[in-house]
Amino acid sequence: MRAVPVAVDVNGQTDYTYSAASTPRAIAQQAGASVAPTDYVTAQPTQNFLQSGAIGQQVIIDSGIPINLNLYGTNLPIFVHASTVSELIAAENIHLFPGDKLTPVYKLSYIPQ
């Protein structure tokens, strides 16, 4: 397979390169982008090459928000895509038991963007 032009967009910053990789994650890694397992990596054809400056595929990387989760006294630095605490708990498959303390409040708090 020959290398084709691609635009790699990491959280709004676009780099242009050539890649012969076949998956969006492999293209991003080959382009030198740091890709975490929790990142959302998608590929799509360029919609408007005059506006975007890319004529090939566009790879979009949506990195998670870094947070420090303290779970039963253990600090866990993680990256999340949740916007509320309840979404975070569901996404990380955390089960709350009677007597567990949750700070900030479960339903009202938003994770800072």
N, C-alpha and C. Protein backbone atom coordinates (compact mmCIF):
# COMPACT_ATOMS: atom_id res chain seq x y z
N MET A 1 0.84 -1.17 0.00
CA MET A 1 0.00 0.00 0.00
C MET A 1 0.89 1.24 0.00
N ARG A 2 0.50 2.21 -0.76
CA ARG A 2 1.25 3.46 -0.83
C ARG A 2 0.79 4.43 0.25
N ALA A 3 1.70 5.31 0.60
CA ALA A 3 1.37 6.34 1.58
C ALA A 3 0.43 7.36 0.93
N VAL A 4 -0.55 7.77 1.71
CA VAL A 4 -1.52 8.76 1.24
C VAL A 4 -1.50 9.96 2.18
N PRO A 5 -1.89 11.12 1.70
CA PRO A 5 -1.90 12.29 2.58
C PRO A 5 -3.01 12.17 3.62
N VAL A 6 -2.69 12.52 4.85
CA VAL A 6 -3.67 12.51 5.93
C VAL A 6 -3.48 13.76 6.79
N ALA A 7 -4.57 14.18 7.38
CA ALA A 7 -4.54 15.25 8.37
C ALA A 7 -4.85 14.61 9.70
N VAL A 8 -3.96 14.81 10.67
CA VAL A 8 -4.16 14.24 12.01
C VAL A 8 -4.51 15.39 12.94
N ASP A 9 -5.73 15.35 13.47
CA ASP A 9 -6.24 16.40 14.34
C ASP A 9 -6.25 15.89 15.78
N VAL A 10 -5.39 16.47 16.62
CA VAL A 10 -5.31 16.09 18.03
C VAL A 10 -5.86 17.24 18.85
N ASN A 11 -7.08 17.06 19.35
CA ASN A 11 -7.74 18.07 20.18
C ASN A 11 -7.72 19.46 19.55
N GLY A 12 -7.97 19.52 18.25
CA GLY A 12 -8.06 20.81 17.55
C GLY A 12 -6.80 21.27 16.87
N GLN A 13 -5.66 20.63 17.12
CA GLN A 13 -4.40 21.00 16.46
C GLN A 13 -4.14 20.00 15.33
N THR A 14 -4.02 20.50 14.11
CA THR A 14 -3.90 19.63 12.94
C THR A 14 -2.47 19.59 12.41
N ASP A 15 -2.00 18.38 12.14
CA ASP A 15 -0.71 18.15 11.48
C ASP A 15 -0.98 17.38 10.20
N TYR A 16 -0.21 17.69 9.17
CA TYR A 16 -0.37 17.03 7.88
C TYR A 16 0.82 16.12 7.62
N THR A 17 0.54 14.92 7.13
CA THR A 17 1.60 13.95 6.88
C THR A 17 1.13 12.95 5.82
N TYR A 18 1.98 11.98 5.55
CA TYR A 18 1.64 10.87 4.66
C TYR A 18 1.71 9.59 5.48
N SER A 19 0.80 8.66 5.21
CA SER A 19 0.80 7.41 5.96
C SER A 19 0.30 6.27 5.08
N ALA A 20 0.89 5.10 5.30
CA ALA A 20 0.44 3.88 4.63
C ALA A 20 -0.28 2.96 5.60
N ALA A 21 -0.45 3.41 6.84
CA ALA A 21 -1.13 2.59 7.85
C ALA A 21 -2.60 2.42 7.49
N SER A 22 -3.21 1.35 7.99
CA SER A 22 -4.58 1.05 7.59
C SER A 22 -5.64 1.41 8.62
N THR A 23 -5.28 1.56 9.89
CA THR A 23 -6.27 1.91 10.91
C THR A 23 -6.03 3.34 11.39
N PRO A 24 -7.08 4.01 11.86
CA PRO A 24 -6.90 5.38 12.34
C PRO A 24 -5.88 5.48 13.48
N ARG A 25 -5.90 4.54 14.41
CA ARG A 25 -4.96 4.57 15.53
C ARG A 25 -3.52 4.40 15.02
N ALA A 26 -3.31 3.50 14.06
CA ALA A 26 -1.97 3.28 13.50
C ALA A 26 -1.50 4.50 12.72
N ILE A 27 -2.40 5.15 12.00
CA ILE A 27 -2.04 6.37 11.27
C ILE A 27 -1.59 7.45 12.26
N ALA A 28 -2.34 7.63 13.34
CA ALA A 28 -2.00 8.64 14.33
C ALA A 28 -0.65 8.35 14.96
N GLN A 29 -0.40 7.09 15.30
CA GLN A 29 0.88 6.73 15.91
C GLN A 29 2.03 6.91 14.93
N GLN A 30 1.81 6.54 13.67
CA GLN A 30 2.84 6.70 12.65
C GLN A 30 3.15 8.19 12.41
N ALA A 31 2.14 9.03 12.59
CA ALA A 31 2.33 10.48 12.42
C ALA A 31 3.02 11.11 13.63
N GLY A 32 3.25 10.32 14.67
CA GLY A 32 3.94 10.83 15.85
C GLY A 32 3.03 11.36 16.94
N ALA A 33 1.74 11.18 16.78
CA ALA A 33 0.79 11.63 17.81
C ALA A 33 0.81 10.65 18.98
N SER A 34 0.74 11.18 20.16
CA SER A 34 0.67 10.35 21.36
C SER A 34 -0.79 9.91 21.53
N VAL A 35 -1.02 8.61 21.45
CA VAL A 35 -2.38 8.08 21.51
C VAL A 35 -2.49 7.15 22.71
N ALA A 36 -3.36 7.51 23.64
CA ALA A 36 -3.61 6.69 24.83
C ALA A 36 -4.72 5.68 24.52
N PRO A 37 -4.76 4.58 25.24
CA PRO A 37 -5.82 3.60 25.01
C PRO A 37 -7.22 4.16 25.22
N THR A 38 -7.35 5.19 26.03
CA THR A 38 -8.68 5.77 26.30
C THR A 38 -9.08 6.85 25.31
N ASP A 39 -8.19 7.22 24.39
CA ASP A 39 -8.51 8.24 23.39
C ASP A 39 -9.50 7.70 22.37
N TYR A 40 -10.40 8.56 21.93
CA TYR A 40 -11.29 8.22 20.82
C TYR A 40 -10.57 8.60 19.53
N VAL A 41 -10.34 7.63 18.66
CA VAL A 41 -9.64 7.87 17.40
C VAL A 41 -10.56 7.46 16.26
N THR A 42 -10.90 8.42 15.41
CA THR A 42 -11.79 8.14 14.29
C THR A 42 -11.16 8.67 13.00
N ALA A 43 -11.60 8.11 11.89
CA ALA A 43 -11.14 8.57 10.58
C ALA A 43 -12.36 8.87 9.71
N GLN A 44 -12.19 9.88 8.89
CA GLN A 44 -13.25 10.24 7.95
C GLN A 44 -12.62 10.88 6.74
N PRO A 45 -13.27 10.78 5.60
CA PRO A 45 -12.73 11.47 4.43
C PRO A 45 -12.85 12.98 4.62
N THR A 46 -11.93 13.71 4.03
CA THR A 46 -11.97 15.17 4.11
C THR A 46 -13.22 15.65 3.40
N GLN A 47 -14.00 16.48 4.08
CA GLN A 47 -15.25 16.98 3.52
C GLN A 47 -15.03 18.17 2.58
N ASN A 48 -14.17 19.08 2.96
CA ASN A 48 -13.92 20.28 2.17
C ASN A 48 -12.41 20.51 2.16
N PHE A 49 -11.73 19.99 1.14
CA PHE A 49 -10.27 20.06 1.12
C PHE A 49 -9.74 21.48 0.99
N LEU A 50 -10.51 22.39 0.43
CA LEU A 50 -10.06 23.78 0.35
C LEU A 50 -10.05 24.43 1.73
N GLN A 51 -11.05 24.13 2.52
CA GLN A 51 -11.14 24.71 3.85
C GLN A 51 -10.17 24.04 4.82
N SER A 52 -10.06 22.71 4.77
CA SER A 52 -9.22 21.99 5.75
C SER A 52 -7.75 21.91 5.33
N GLY A 53 -7.48 22.05 4.06
CA GLY A 53 -6.11 21.96 3.59
C GLY A 53 -5.61 20.53 3.44
N ALA A 54 -6.48 19.56 3.58
CA ALA A 54 -6.11 18.15 3.46
C ALA A 54 -6.88 17.54 2.29
N ILE A 55 -6.22 16.68 1.53
CA ILE A 55 -6.90 16.06 0.40
C ILE A 55 -7.19 14.59 0.63
N GLY A 56 -6.67 14.01 1.68
CA GLY A 56 -6.88 12.59 1.95
C GLY A 56 -7.79 12.39 3.13
N GLN A 57 -7.42 11.43 3.91
CA GLN A 57 -8.20 11.09 5.09
C GLN A 57 -7.89 12.04 6.25
N GLN A 58 -8.86 12.22 7.09
CA GLN A 58 -8.69 13.04 8.28
C GLN A 58 -8.86 12.14 9.50
N VAL A 59 -7.83 12.07 10.35
CA VAL A 59 -7.88 11.28 11.57
C VAL A 59 -8.06 12.25 12.73
N ILE A 60 -9.09 12.00 13.52
CA ILE A 60 -9.43 12.89 14.63
C ILE A 60 -9.21 12.14 15.94
N ILE A 61 -8.40 12.74 16.82
CA ILE A 61 -8.11 12.16 18.13
C ILE A 61 -8.76 13.04 19.19
N ASP A 62 -9.64 12.45 19.97
CA ASP A 62 -10.30 13.15 21.08
C ASP A 62 -9.76 12.55 22.37
N SER A 63 -8.81 13.26 22.98
CA SER A 63 -8.21 12.77 24.22
C SER A 63 -9.16 13.02 25.38
N GLY A 64 -9.07 12.15 26.36
CA GLY A 64 -9.90 12.31 27.55
C GLY A 64 -9.39 13.42 28.44
N ILE A 65 -10.19 13.78 29.41
CA ILE A 65 -9.83 14.80 30.39
C ILE A 65 -9.05 14.12 31.51
N PRO A 66 -7.86 14.61 31.85
CA PRO A 66 -7.11 13.98 32.93
C PRO A 66 -7.72 14.34 34.29
N ILE A 67 -8.00 13.31 35.08
CA ILE A 67 -8.49 13.54 36.44
C ILE A 67 -7.75 12.60 37.38
N ASN A 68 -7.81 12.91 38.66
CA ASN A 68 -7.23 12.05 39.67
C ASN A 68 -8.37 11.45 40.47
N LEU A 69 -8.61 10.17 40.32
CA LEU A 69 -9.69 9.47 40.99
C LEU A 69 -9.12 8.79 42.23
N ASN A 70 -9.69 9.10 43.38
CA ASN A 70 -9.28 8.45 44.62
C ASN A 70 -10.32 7.39 44.93
N LEU A 71 -9.94 6.14 44.74
CA LEU A 71 -10.87 5.03 44.93
C LEU A 71 -10.39 4.18 46.10
N TYR A 72 -11.12 4.26 47.21
CA TYR A 72 -10.78 3.52 48.44
C TYR A 72 -9.36 3.80 48.90
N GLY A 73 -8.96 5.09 48.82
CA GLY A 73 -7.66 5.50 49.31
C GLY A 73 -6.53 5.38 48.31
N THR A 74 -6.80 4.86 47.13
CA THR A 74 -5.78 4.72 46.10
C THR A 74 -6.01 5.78 45.03
N ASN A 75 -4.99 6.61 44.77
CA ASN A 75 -5.09 7.63 43.73
C ASN A 75 -4.84 7.00 42.37
N LEU A 76 -5.78 7.20 41.47
CA LEU A 76 -5.70 6.65 40.12
C LEU A 76 -5.78 7.79 39.10
N PRO A 77 -4.66 8.18 38.49
CA PRO A 77 -4.75 9.19 37.42
C PRO A 77 -5.33 8.54 36.17
N ILE A 78 -6.47 9.04 35.71
CA ILE A 78 -7.13 8.46 34.54
C ILE A 78 -7.55 9.57 33.59
N PHE A 79 -7.89 9.19 32.38
CA PHE A 79 -8.42 10.10 31.37
C PHE A 79 -9.86 9.67 31.10
N VAL A 80 -10.77 10.62 31.13
CA VAL A 80 -12.19 10.30 30.95
C VAL A 80 -12.81 11.18 29.88
N HIS A 81 -13.91 10.70 29.34
CA HIS A 81 -14.69 11.46 28.36
C HIS A 81 -16.03 11.87 28.95
N ALA A 82 -16.22 11.61 30.23
CA ALA A 82 -17.47 11.93 30.91
C ALA A 82 -17.53 13.41 31.23
N SER A 83 -18.74 13.95 31.28
CA SER A 83 -18.89 15.36 31.66
C SER A 83 -19.52 15.50 33.04
N THR A 84 -20.06 14.43 33.58
CA THR A 84 -20.61 14.47 34.93
C THR A 84 -20.02 13.32 35.74
N VAL A 85 -20.14 13.44 37.05
CA VAL A 85 -19.63 12.40 37.93
C VAL A 85 -20.40 11.10 37.71
N SER A 86 -21.70 11.18 37.49
CA SER A 86 -22.49 9.97 37.27
C SER A 86 -22.06 9.26 35.98
N GLU A 87 -21.72 10.02 34.93
CA GLU A 87 -21.22 9.41 33.69
C GLU A 87 -19.86 8.75 33.93
N LEU A 88 -19.02 9.37 34.73
CA LEU A 88 -17.71 8.81 35.07
C LEU A 88 -17.86 7.47 35.79
N ILE A 89 -18.75 7.44 36.76
CA ILE A 89 -18.97 6.21 37.53
C ILE A 89 -19.47 5.09 36.63
N ALA A 90 -20.37 5.41 35.73
CA ALA A 90 -20.88 4.40 34.80
C ALA A 90 -19.80 3.95 33.82
N ALA A 91 -19.04 4.90 33.27
CA ALA A 91 -18.01 4.57 32.27
C ALA A 91 -16.89 3.72 32.86
N GLU A 92 -16.53 3.98 34.11
CA GLU A 92 -15.44 3.24 34.75
C GLU A 92 -15.94 1.99 35.47
N ASN A 93 -17.25 1.72 35.37
CA ASN A 93 -17.85 0.53 35.97
C ASN A 93 -17.59 0.47 37.48
N ILE A 94 -17.78 1.60 38.15
CA ILE A 94 -17.59 1.69 39.60
C ILE A 94 -18.94 1.44 40.26
N HIS A 95 -18.95 0.55 41.24
CA HIS A 95 -20.18 0.23 41.97
C HIS A 95 -20.10 0.82 43.36
N LEU A 96 -21.11 1.62 43.70
CA LEU A 96 -21.16 2.24 45.02
C LEU A 96 -21.97 1.35 45.96
N PHE A 97 -21.46 1.23 47.18
CA PHE A 97 -22.12 0.41 48.19
C PHE A 97 -22.61 1.31 49.33
N PRO A 98 -23.57 0.85 50.11
CA PRO A 98 -24.04 1.65 51.24
C PRO A 98 -22.85 2.04 52.13
N GLY A 99 -22.80 3.29 52.50
CA GLY A 99 -21.72 3.79 53.34
C GLY A 99 -20.56 4.38 52.57
N ASP A 100 -20.50 4.18 51.24
CA ASP A 100 -19.44 4.78 50.43
C ASP A 100 -19.65 6.29 50.38
N LYS A 101 -18.56 7.04 50.43
CA LYS A 101 -18.63 8.50 50.37
C LYS A 101 -18.18 8.95 48.99
N LEU A 102 -18.99 9.79 48.35
CA LEU A 102 -18.68 10.27 47.01
C LEU A 102 -18.59 11.79 47.03
N THR A 103 -17.43 12.30 46.65
CA THR A 103 -17.21 13.73 46.58
C THR A 103 -16.57 14.03 45.24
N PRO A 104 -17.09 14.92 44.43
CA PRO A 104 -18.28 15.75 44.58
C PRO A 104 -19.56 14.94 44.43
N VAL A 105 -20.68 15.63 44.65
CA VAL A 105 -21.99 14.99 44.68
C VAL A 105 -22.27 14.28 43.35
N TYR A 106 -22.86 13.11 43.44
CA TYR A 106 -23.11 12.20 42.33
C TYR A 106 -23.84 12.82 41.14
N LYS A 107 -24.96 13.45 41.35
CA LYS A 107 -25.80 13.88 40.23
C LYS A 107 -25.58 15.31 39.78
N LEU A 108 -24.98 16.15 40.61
CA LEU A 108 -24.94 17.57 40.28
C LEU A 108 -23.61 18.05 39.75
N SER A 109 -22.54 17.37 40.06
CA SER A 109 -21.22 17.90 39.75
C SER A 109 -20.79 17.59 38.33
N TYR A 110 -20.14 18.56 37.73
CA TYR A 110 -19.60 18.38 36.39
C TYR A 110 -18.09 18.32 36.48
N ILE A 111 -17.51 17.51 35.65
CA ILE A 111 -16.07 17.40 35.57
C ILE A 111 -15.57 18.58 34.75
N PRO A 112 -14.58 19.34 35.24
CA PRO A 112 -14.13 20.53 34.50
C PRO A 112 -13.57 20.17 33.13
N GLN A 113 -13.91 20.97 32.14
CA GLN A 113 -13.45 20.72 30.77
C GLN A 113 -12.15 21.41 30.51
